[in-house]
Amino acid sequence: MASRLVNRNVVAGRGRTSMRLEPELWDALYEICQREQVPIGEIVRRVESRGDPGGRTSAVRVFVIQYFRAAATEQGHAEAGHGSKTALVEPDFSDSAAA
């Protein structure tokens, strides 16, 4: 079975490096870059500077989760249909794919 991970090069604090993330995490990371108006290399540098254990890629995954958890609101959950079994089985990302 082929891996779903996508390898991309990023220029971070220690120079050019590669990271392997799921396509959804790359999309989320680029969305954060757009929202914050910060290049991806800057975000990776900031994540690295925190000194999280587990390596760069793991730290970036955790950062993406923490970013969106911090941004979550009750209204956002209701609009996304969270709390319904449908949202857990078949999430609708059509609006976010167009962004």
N, C-alpha and C. Protein backbone atom coordinates (compact mmCIF):
# COMPACT_ATOMS: atom_id res chain seq x y z
N MET A 1 0.84 -1.18 0.00
CA MET A 1 0.00 0.00 0.00
C MET A 1 0.89 1.25 0.00
N ALA A 2 0.61 2.16 -0.91
CA ALA A 2 1.40 3.38 -1.02
C ALA A 2 1.06 4.35 0.11
N SER A 3 2.05 5.11 0.51
CA SER A 3 1.86 6.10 1.56
C SER A 3 1.08 7.29 1.03
N ARG A 4 0.24 7.86 1.86
CA ARG A 4 -0.49 9.07 1.52
C ARG A 4 0.34 10.32 1.79
N LEU A 5 1.45 10.16 2.46
CA LEU A 5 2.25 11.31 2.84
C LEU A 5 2.84 11.99 1.62
N VAL A 6 2.84 13.32 1.66
CA VAL A 6 3.39 14.13 0.58
C VAL A 6 4.66 14.80 1.09
N ASN A 7 5.74 14.62 0.36
CA ASN A 7 7.03 15.19 0.74
C ASN A 7 7.18 16.55 0.06
N ARG A 8 7.49 17.59 0.84
CA ARG A 8 7.72 18.93 0.30
C ARG A 8 8.93 19.54 0.99
N ASN A 9 9.64 20.38 0.25
CA ASN A 9 10.79 21.09 0.81
C ASN A 9 10.34 22.39 1.44
N VAL A 10 10.93 22.70 2.58
CA VAL A 10 10.63 23.92 3.32
C VAL A 10 11.96 24.53 3.77
N VAL A 11 12.07 25.84 3.67
CA VAL A 11 13.24 26.52 4.21
C VAL A 11 12.89 26.97 5.62
N ALA A 12 13.56 26.37 6.59
CA ALA A 12 13.26 26.64 8.00
C ALA A 12 14.52 27.16 8.69
N GLY A 13 14.48 27.20 10.01
CA GLY A 13 15.56 27.77 10.81
C GLY A 13 16.92 27.16 10.55
N ARG A 14 16.97 25.89 10.28
CA ARG A 14 18.26 25.22 10.05
C ARG A 14 18.53 25.02 8.56
N GLY A 15 17.88 25.81 7.71
CA GLY A 15 18.10 25.71 6.28
C GLY A 15 16.99 24.91 5.60
N ARG A 16 17.25 24.52 4.38
CA ARG A 16 16.27 23.77 3.59
C ARG A 16 16.12 22.36 4.14
N THR A 17 14.87 21.95 4.28
CA THR A 17 14.59 20.62 4.80
C THR A 17 13.35 20.09 4.11
N SER A 18 13.08 18.83 4.28
CA SER A 18 11.86 18.26 3.72
C SER A 18 10.97 17.76 4.86
N MET A 19 9.70 17.82 4.61
CA MET A 19 8.72 17.32 5.58
C MET A 19 7.71 16.47 4.84
N ARG A 20 7.25 15.42 5.50
CA ARG A 20 6.23 14.53 4.92
C ARG A 20 4.97 14.65 5.77
N LEU A 21 3.92 15.19 5.15
CA LEU A 21 2.64 15.35 5.82
C LEU A 21 1.53 14.82 4.93
N GLU A 22 0.41 14.50 5.54
CA GLU A 22 -0.77 14.13 4.80
C GLU A 22 -1.24 15.34 3.99
N PRO A 23 -1.88 15.13 2.84
CA PRO A 23 -2.35 16.26 2.02
C PRO A 23 -3.25 17.22 2.80
N GLU A 24 -4.07 16.70 3.67
CA GLU A 24 -4.97 17.55 4.46
C GLU A 24 -4.20 18.46 5.40
N LEU A 25 -3.10 17.96 5.95
CA LEU A 25 -2.28 18.79 6.83
C LEU A 25 -1.53 19.85 6.05
N TRP A 26 -1.06 19.53 4.84
CA TRP A 26 -0.45 20.57 4.00
C TRP A 26 -1.48 21.65 3.70
N ASP A 27 -2.69 21.24 3.34
CA ASP A 27 -3.75 22.22 3.06
C ASP A 27 -4.01 23.11 4.28
N ALA A 28 -4.09 22.49 5.45
CA ALA A 28 -4.34 23.25 6.67
C ALA A 28 -3.19 24.21 6.97
N LEU A 29 -1.97 23.75 6.76
CA LEU A 29 -0.80 24.59 7.02
C LEU A 29 -0.79 25.79 6.06
N TYR A 30 -1.11 25.57 4.79
CA TYR A 30 -1.17 26.68 3.84
C TYR A 30 -2.30 27.64 4.18
N GLU A 31 -3.41 27.10 4.69
CA GLU A 31 -4.52 27.97 5.11
C GLU A 31 -4.07 28.86 6.28
N ILE A 32 -3.33 28.29 7.22
CA ILE A 32 -2.81 29.08 8.33
C ILE A 32 -1.89 30.19 7.79
N CYS A 33 -1.04 29.85 6.84
CA CYS A 33 -0.14 30.85 6.24
C CYS A 33 -0.94 31.99 5.64
N GLN A 34 -2.00 31.67 4.92
CA GLN A 34 -2.84 32.71 4.31
C GLN A 34 -3.51 33.56 5.38
N ARG A 35 -4.09 32.91 6.37
CA ARG A 35 -4.79 33.65 7.43
C ARG A 35 -3.85 34.58 8.19
N GLU A 36 -2.66 34.10 8.47
CA GLU A 36 -1.71 34.86 9.28
C GLU A 36 -0.78 35.73 8.44
N GLN A 37 -0.85 35.59 7.13
CA GLN A 37 0.00 36.33 6.19
C GLN A 37 1.47 36.15 6.54
N VAL A 38 1.84 34.89 6.71
CA VAL A 38 3.21 34.51 7.08
C VAL A 38 3.63 33.37 6.16
N PRO A 39 4.85 33.40 5.62
CA PRO A 39 5.29 32.29 4.77
C PRO A 39 5.45 31.00 5.58
N ILE A 40 5.34 29.89 4.88
CA ILE A 40 5.41 28.59 5.56
C ILE A 40 6.73 28.42 6.31
N GLY A 41 7.83 28.90 5.74
CA GLY A 41 9.12 28.77 6.42
C GLY A 41 9.14 29.47 7.76
N GLU A 42 8.47 30.60 7.85
CA GLU A 42 8.40 31.33 9.13
C GLU A 42 7.61 30.54 10.16
N ILE A 43 6.52 29.95 9.74
CA ILE A 43 5.73 29.14 10.69
C ILE A 43 6.56 27.96 11.17
N VAL A 44 7.25 27.29 10.26
CA VAL A 44 8.07 26.14 10.66
C VAL A 44 9.19 26.60 11.60
N ARG A 45 9.79 27.75 11.33
CA ARG A 45 10.84 28.28 12.23
C ARG A 45 10.27 28.53 13.63
N ARG A 46 9.09 29.12 13.69
CA ARG A 46 8.47 29.40 15.00
C ARG A 46 8.16 28.10 15.74
N VAL A 47 7.67 27.10 15.01
CA VAL A 47 7.37 25.81 15.63
C VAL A 47 8.66 25.18 16.15
N GLU A 48 9.72 25.21 15.35
CA GLU A 48 11.00 24.65 15.76
C GLU A 48 11.56 25.35 17.00
N SER A 49 11.36 26.66 17.07
CA SER A 49 11.93 27.42 18.19
C SER A 49 11.28 27.06 19.52
N ARG A 50 10.11 26.45 19.49
CA ARG A 50 9.46 26.03 20.74
C ARG A 50 10.16 24.84 21.36
N GLY A 51 10.93 24.10 20.55
CA GLY A 51 11.69 22.97 21.08
C GLY A 51 10.85 21.78 21.49
N ASP A 52 9.74 21.56 20.80
CA ASP A 52 8.88 20.42 21.12
C ASP A 52 9.62 19.11 20.85
N PRO A 53 9.42 18.11 21.70
CA PRO A 53 10.03 16.81 21.45
C PRO A 53 9.32 16.10 20.29
N GLY A 54 10.01 15.18 19.67
CA GLY A 54 9.36 14.37 18.65
C GLY A 54 9.71 14.76 17.23
N GLY A 55 10.49 15.79 17.05
CA GLY A 55 10.90 16.16 15.70
C GLY A 55 10.02 17.22 15.07
N ARG A 56 10.55 17.79 13.99
CA ARG A 56 9.91 18.91 13.30
C ARG A 56 8.53 18.54 12.77
N THR A 57 8.43 17.44 12.04
CA THR A 57 7.16 17.09 11.41
C THR A 57 6.08 16.84 12.45
N SER A 58 6.42 16.14 13.50
CA SER A 58 5.47 15.92 14.58
C SER A 58 5.04 17.24 15.20
N ALA A 59 5.99 18.12 15.43
CA ALA A 59 5.68 19.43 16.04
C ALA A 59 4.77 20.25 15.14
N VAL A 60 4.97 20.17 13.82
CA VAL A 60 4.11 20.90 12.90
C VAL A 60 2.70 20.32 12.92
N ARG A 61 2.58 19.01 12.97
CA ARG A 61 1.25 18.38 13.07
C ARG A 61 0.51 18.87 14.32
N VAL A 62 1.21 18.87 15.44
CA VAL A 62 0.62 19.32 16.70
C VAL A 62 0.24 20.80 16.61
N PHE A 63 1.10 21.62 16.01
CA PHE A 63 0.81 23.04 15.85
C PHE A 63 -0.48 23.25 15.05
N VAL A 64 -0.63 22.54 13.94
CA VAL A 64 -1.83 22.69 13.11
C VAL A 64 -3.08 22.35 13.92
N ILE A 65 -3.02 21.26 14.66
CA ILE A 65 -4.17 20.87 15.49
C ILE A 65 -4.46 21.94 16.54
N GLN A 66 -3.42 22.41 17.21
CA GLN A 66 -3.60 23.42 18.25
C GLN A 66 -4.15 24.73 17.67
N TYR A 67 -3.70 25.11 16.49
CA TYR A 67 -4.15 26.34 15.86
C TYR A 67 -5.66 26.30 15.63
N PHE A 68 -6.12 25.21 15.03
CA PHE A 68 -7.54 25.13 14.72
C PHE A 68 -8.39 24.86 15.96
N ARG A 69 -7.85 24.17 16.94
CA ARG A 69 -8.60 23.99 18.20
C ARG A 69 -8.79 25.32 18.90
N ALA A 70 -7.74 26.16 18.87
CA ALA A 70 -7.84 27.47 19.52
C ALA A 70 -8.85 28.36 18.79
N ALA A 71 -9.02 28.14 17.49
CA ALA A 71 -9.93 28.97 16.70
C ALA A 71 -11.37 28.45 16.71
N ALA A 72 -11.56 27.25 17.23
CA ALA A 72 -12.90 26.66 17.22
C ALA A 72 -13.85 27.40 18.16
N THR A 73 -15.07 27.59 17.70
CA THR A 73 -16.10 28.23 18.52
C THR A 73 -17.36 27.37 18.48
N GLU A 74 -18.27 27.62 19.39
CA GLU A 74 -19.53 26.88 19.39
C GLU A 74 -20.31 27.13 18.10
N GLN A 75 -20.31 28.39 17.63
CA GLN A 75 -21.02 28.71 16.39
C GLN A 75 -20.41 27.96 15.21
N GLY A 76 -19.09 27.91 15.17
CA GLY A 76 -18.41 27.18 14.10
C GLY A 76 -18.74 25.70 14.12
N HIS A 77 -18.81 25.14 15.31
CA HIS A 77 -19.17 23.72 15.43
C HIS A 77 -20.58 23.48 14.91
N ALA A 78 -21.50 24.36 15.26
CA ALA A 78 -22.89 24.21 14.82
C ALA A 78 -22.99 24.31 13.30
N GLU A 79 -22.30 25.29 12.71
CA GLU A 79 -22.34 25.47 11.26
C GLU A 79 -21.72 24.30 10.52
N ALA A 80 -20.71 23.67 11.10
CA ALA A 80 -20.06 22.52 10.48
C ALA A 80 -20.83 21.23 10.69
N GLY A 81 -21.87 21.28 11.51
CA GLY A 81 -22.64 20.08 11.79
C GLY A 81 -22.00 19.16 12.80
N HIS A 82 -21.06 19.70 13.57
CA HIS A 82 -20.43 18.87 14.60
C HIS A 82 -21.47 18.46 15.63
N GLY A 83 -21.32 17.25 16.11
CA GLY A 83 -22.29 16.72 17.05
C GLY A 83 -23.29 15.81 16.36
N SER A 84 -23.27 15.82 15.02
CA SER A 84 -24.13 14.90 14.28
C SER A 84 -23.28 13.75 13.76
N LYS A 85 -23.87 12.61 13.63
CA LYS A 85 -23.12 11.46 13.14
C LYS A 85 -22.66 11.66 11.70
N THR A 86 -23.40 12.42 10.92
CA THR A 86 -23.03 12.67 9.53
C THR A 86 -21.71 13.40 9.43
N ALA A 87 -21.46 14.38 10.28
CA ALA A 87 -20.22 15.15 10.22
C ALA A 87 -19.01 14.27 10.51
N LEU A 88 -19.18 13.26 11.33
CA LEU A 88 -18.06 12.38 11.66
C LEU A 88 -17.77 11.39 10.54
N VAL A 89 -18.79 11.02 9.80
CA VAL A 89 -18.61 10.01 8.76
C VAL A 89 -18.25 10.64 7.42
N GLU A 90 -18.97 11.66 7.03
CA GLU A 90 -18.77 12.29 5.73
C GLU A 90 -18.66 13.80 5.86
N PRO A 91 -17.51 14.31 6.28
CA PRO A 91 -17.38 15.77 6.41
C PRO A 91 -17.45 16.42 5.04
N ASP A 92 -18.05 17.60 4.97
CA ASP A 92 -18.17 18.35 3.73
C ASP A 92 -17.16 19.48 3.73
N PHE A 93 -16.11 19.31 2.95
CA PHE A 93 -15.05 20.30 2.87
C PHE A 93 -15.14 21.12 1.59
N SER A 94 -16.29 21.10 0.93
CA SER A 94 -16.42 21.79 -0.35
C SER A 94 -16.13 23.27 -0.24
N ASP A 95 -16.56 23.93 0.84
CA ASP A 95 -16.29 25.37 1.00
C ASP A 95 -14.82 25.64 1.22
N SER A 96 -14.14 24.79 2.00
CA SER A 96 -12.73 25.03 2.30
C SER A 96 -11.85 24.69 1.10
N ALA A 97 -12.29 23.80 0.22
CA ALA A 97 -11.50 23.46 -0.95
C ALA A 97 -11.48 24.60 -1.95
N ALA A 98 -12.52 25.43 -1.94
CA ALA A 98 -12.58 26.56 -2.87
C ALA A 98 -11.76 27.73 -2.39
N ALA A 99 -11.40 27.76 -1.12
CA ALA A 99 -10.65 28.90 -0.53
C ALA A 99 -9.24 28.96 -1.03
